[in-house]
Amino acid sequence: MIPARYFVSSLKTVFLAGDIWAVFIPDIAAMAAIGVFFFVAAKRATRKNLEA
């Protein structure tokens, strides 16, 4: 669950092979999934009630 792993893989692809979307898409999807997971976890941890 370390997004830097996928980011570094994407950077290697850009520098060595150019913009090959078939390689980018799994890395971008993994980074997006990790981001969504942490966003949802943070939202659940910081719920507020407007009724109080």
N, C-alpha and C. Protein backbone atom coordinates (compact mmCIF):
# COMPACT_ATOMS: atom_id res chain seq x y z
N MET A 1 0.82 -1.19 0.00
CA MET A 1 0.00 0.00 0.00
C MET A 1 0.87 1.26 0.00
N ILE A 2 1.94 1.23 -0.74
CA ILE A 2 2.81 2.39 -0.83
C ILE A 2 2.68 2.98 -2.23
N PRO A 3 2.05 4.15 -2.36
CA PRO A 3 1.83 4.73 -3.68
C PRO A 3 3.12 5.07 -4.42
N ALA A 4 4.19 5.33 -3.70
CA ALA A 4 5.45 5.69 -4.35
C ALA A 4 5.96 4.56 -5.25
N ARG A 5 5.66 3.33 -4.90
CA ARG A 5 6.07 2.20 -5.73
C ARG A 5 5.50 2.31 -7.14
N TYR A 6 4.24 2.66 -7.23
CA TYR A 6 3.57 2.78 -8.53
C TYR A 6 3.99 4.06 -9.25
N PHE A 7 4.26 5.10 -8.49
CA PHE A 7 4.71 6.35 -9.09
C PHE A 7 6.09 6.19 -9.72
N VAL A 8 6.98 5.51 -9.02
CA VAL A 8 8.33 5.28 -9.54
C VAL A 8 8.26 4.41 -10.79
N SER A 9 7.41 3.42 -10.79
CA SER A 9 7.24 2.59 -11.97
C SER A 9 6.75 3.41 -13.16
N SER A 10 5.84 4.33 -12.92
CA SER A 10 5.36 5.20 -13.99
C SER A 10 6.47 6.11 -14.51
N LEU A 11 7.26 6.65 -13.60
CA LEU A 11 8.37 7.51 -14.03
C LEU A 11 9.39 6.74 -14.85
N LYS A 12 9.69 5.52 -14.46
CA LYS A 12 10.62 4.69 -15.24
C LYS A 12 10.09 4.48 -16.65
N THR A 13 8.81 4.23 -16.76
CA THR A 13 8.20 4.02 -18.07
C THR A 13 8.32 5.26 -18.93
N VAL A 14 8.09 6.43 -18.35
CA VAL A 14 8.18 7.68 -19.11
C VAL A 14 9.60 7.91 -19.60
N PHE A 15 10.56 7.73 -18.72
CA PHE A 15 11.93 8.03 -19.09
C PHE A 15 12.54 6.99 -20.03
N LEU A 16 12.15 5.73 -19.90
CA LEU A 16 12.78 4.69 -20.70
C LEU A 16 12.03 4.36 -21.98
N ALA A 17 10.72 4.41 -21.95
CA ALA A 17 9.96 3.95 -23.12
C ALA A 17 9.00 5.00 -23.68
N GLY A 18 8.80 6.08 -23.00
CA GLY A 18 7.83 7.07 -23.47
C GLY A 18 6.49 6.84 -22.81
N ASP A 19 5.48 7.48 -23.36
CA ASP A 19 4.15 7.40 -22.74
C ASP A 19 3.36 6.22 -23.30
N ILE A 20 3.57 5.08 -22.72
CA ILE A 20 2.87 3.85 -23.09
C ILE A 20 1.72 3.68 -22.10
N TRP A 21 0.50 3.95 -22.57
CA TRP A 21 -0.66 3.95 -21.68
C TRP A 21 -0.99 2.57 -21.16
N ALA A 22 -0.62 1.52 -21.88
CA ALA A 22 -0.90 0.17 -21.39
C ALA A 22 -0.14 -0.13 -20.10
N VAL A 23 0.97 0.53 -19.90
CA VAL A 23 1.75 0.36 -18.66
C VAL A 23 1.28 1.36 -17.60
N PHE A 24 0.88 2.55 -18.03
CA PHE A 24 0.43 3.58 -17.09
C PHE A 24 -0.87 3.24 -16.38
N ILE A 25 -1.80 2.68 -17.09
CA ILE A 25 -3.14 2.49 -16.55
C ILE A 25 -3.16 1.64 -15.28
N PRO A 26 -2.47 0.50 -15.22
CA PRO A 26 -2.48 -0.25 -13.94
C PRO A 26 -1.84 0.53 -12.79
N ASP A 27 -0.77 1.27 -13.08
CA ASP A 27 -0.13 2.06 -12.02
C ASP A 27 -1.04 3.19 -11.55
N ILE A 28 -1.66 3.87 -12.48
CA ILE A 28 -2.56 4.96 -12.12
C ILE A 28 -3.77 4.42 -11.35
N ALA A 29 -4.28 3.27 -11.78
CA ALA A 29 -5.42 2.67 -11.08
C ALA A 29 -5.04 2.28 -9.65
N ALA A 30 -3.85 1.74 -9.47
CA ALA A 30 -3.40 1.36 -8.13
C ALA A 30 -3.26 2.60 -7.25
N MET A 31 -2.66 3.66 -7.79
CA MET A 31 -2.52 4.89 -7.00
C MET A 31 -3.88 5.50 -6.68
N ALA A 32 -4.81 5.45 -7.61
CA ALA A 32 -6.15 5.98 -7.36
C ALA A 32 -6.87 5.16 -6.29
N ALA A 33 -6.73 3.83 -6.34
CA ALA A 33 -7.37 2.98 -5.35
C ALA A 33 -6.82 3.24 -3.94
N ILE A 34 -5.52 3.41 -3.85
CA ILE A 34 -4.91 3.71 -2.55
C ILE A 34 -5.39 5.07 -2.06
N GLY A 35 -5.47 6.04 -2.96
CA GLY A 35 -5.96 7.37 -2.58
C GLY A 35 -7.40 7.34 -2.10
N VAL A 36 -8.25 6.60 -2.79
CA VAL A 36 -9.65 6.48 -2.38
C VAL A 36 -9.75 5.79 -1.02
N PHE A 37 -8.95 4.76 -0.82
CA PHE A 37 -8.96 4.05 0.46
C PHE A 37 -8.62 5.01 1.61
N PHE A 38 -7.54 5.77 1.45
CA PHE A 38 -7.14 6.68 2.52
C PHE A 38 -8.12 7.84 2.69
N PHE A 39 -8.74 8.30 1.60
CA PHE A 39 -9.75 9.35 1.70
C PHE A 39 -10.95 8.88 2.49
N VAL A 40 -11.42 7.67 2.20
CA VAL A 40 -12.57 7.11 2.90
C VAL A 40 -12.22 6.88 4.37
N ALA A 41 -11.02 6.38 4.63
CA ALA A 41 -10.60 6.16 6.02
C ALA A 41 -10.54 7.47 6.79
N ALA A 42 -10.04 8.53 6.17
CA ALA A 42 -9.97 9.83 6.84
C ALA A 42 -11.36 10.41 7.04
N LYS A 43 -12.22 10.23 6.08
CA LYS A 43 -13.59 10.76 6.20
C LYS A 43 -14.33 10.05 7.33
N ARG A 44 -14.16 8.75 7.45
CA ARG A 44 -14.81 8.01 8.54
C ARG A 44 -14.25 8.41 9.90
N ALA A 45 -12.98 8.71 9.96
CA ALA A 45 -12.35 9.06 11.23
C ALA A 45 -12.72 10.46 11.70
N THR A 46 -13.18 11.31 10.77
CA THR A 46 -13.44 12.70 11.13
C THR A 46 -14.88 13.11 10.84
N ARG A 47 -15.82 12.24 11.14
CA ARG A 47 -17.23 12.58 10.94
C ARG A 47 -17.66 13.67 11.92
N LYS A 48 -18.51 14.54 11.42
CA LYS A 48 -19.06 15.59 12.27
C LYS A 48 -20.57 15.56 12.21
N ASN A 49 -21.17 15.91 13.32
CA ASN A 49 -22.63 16.02 13.37
C ASN A 49 -23.00 17.50 13.35
N LEU A 50 -23.94 17.85 12.50
CA LEU A 50 -24.41 19.24 12.47
C LEU A 50 -25.53 19.48 13.46
N GLU A 51 -26.04 18.42 14.07
CA GLU A 51 -27.14 18.54 15.00
C GLU A 51 -26.70 18.90 16.41
N ALA A 52 -25.45 18.82 16.70
CA ALA A 52 -24.97 19.04 18.07
C ALA A 52 -24.85 20.49 18.42
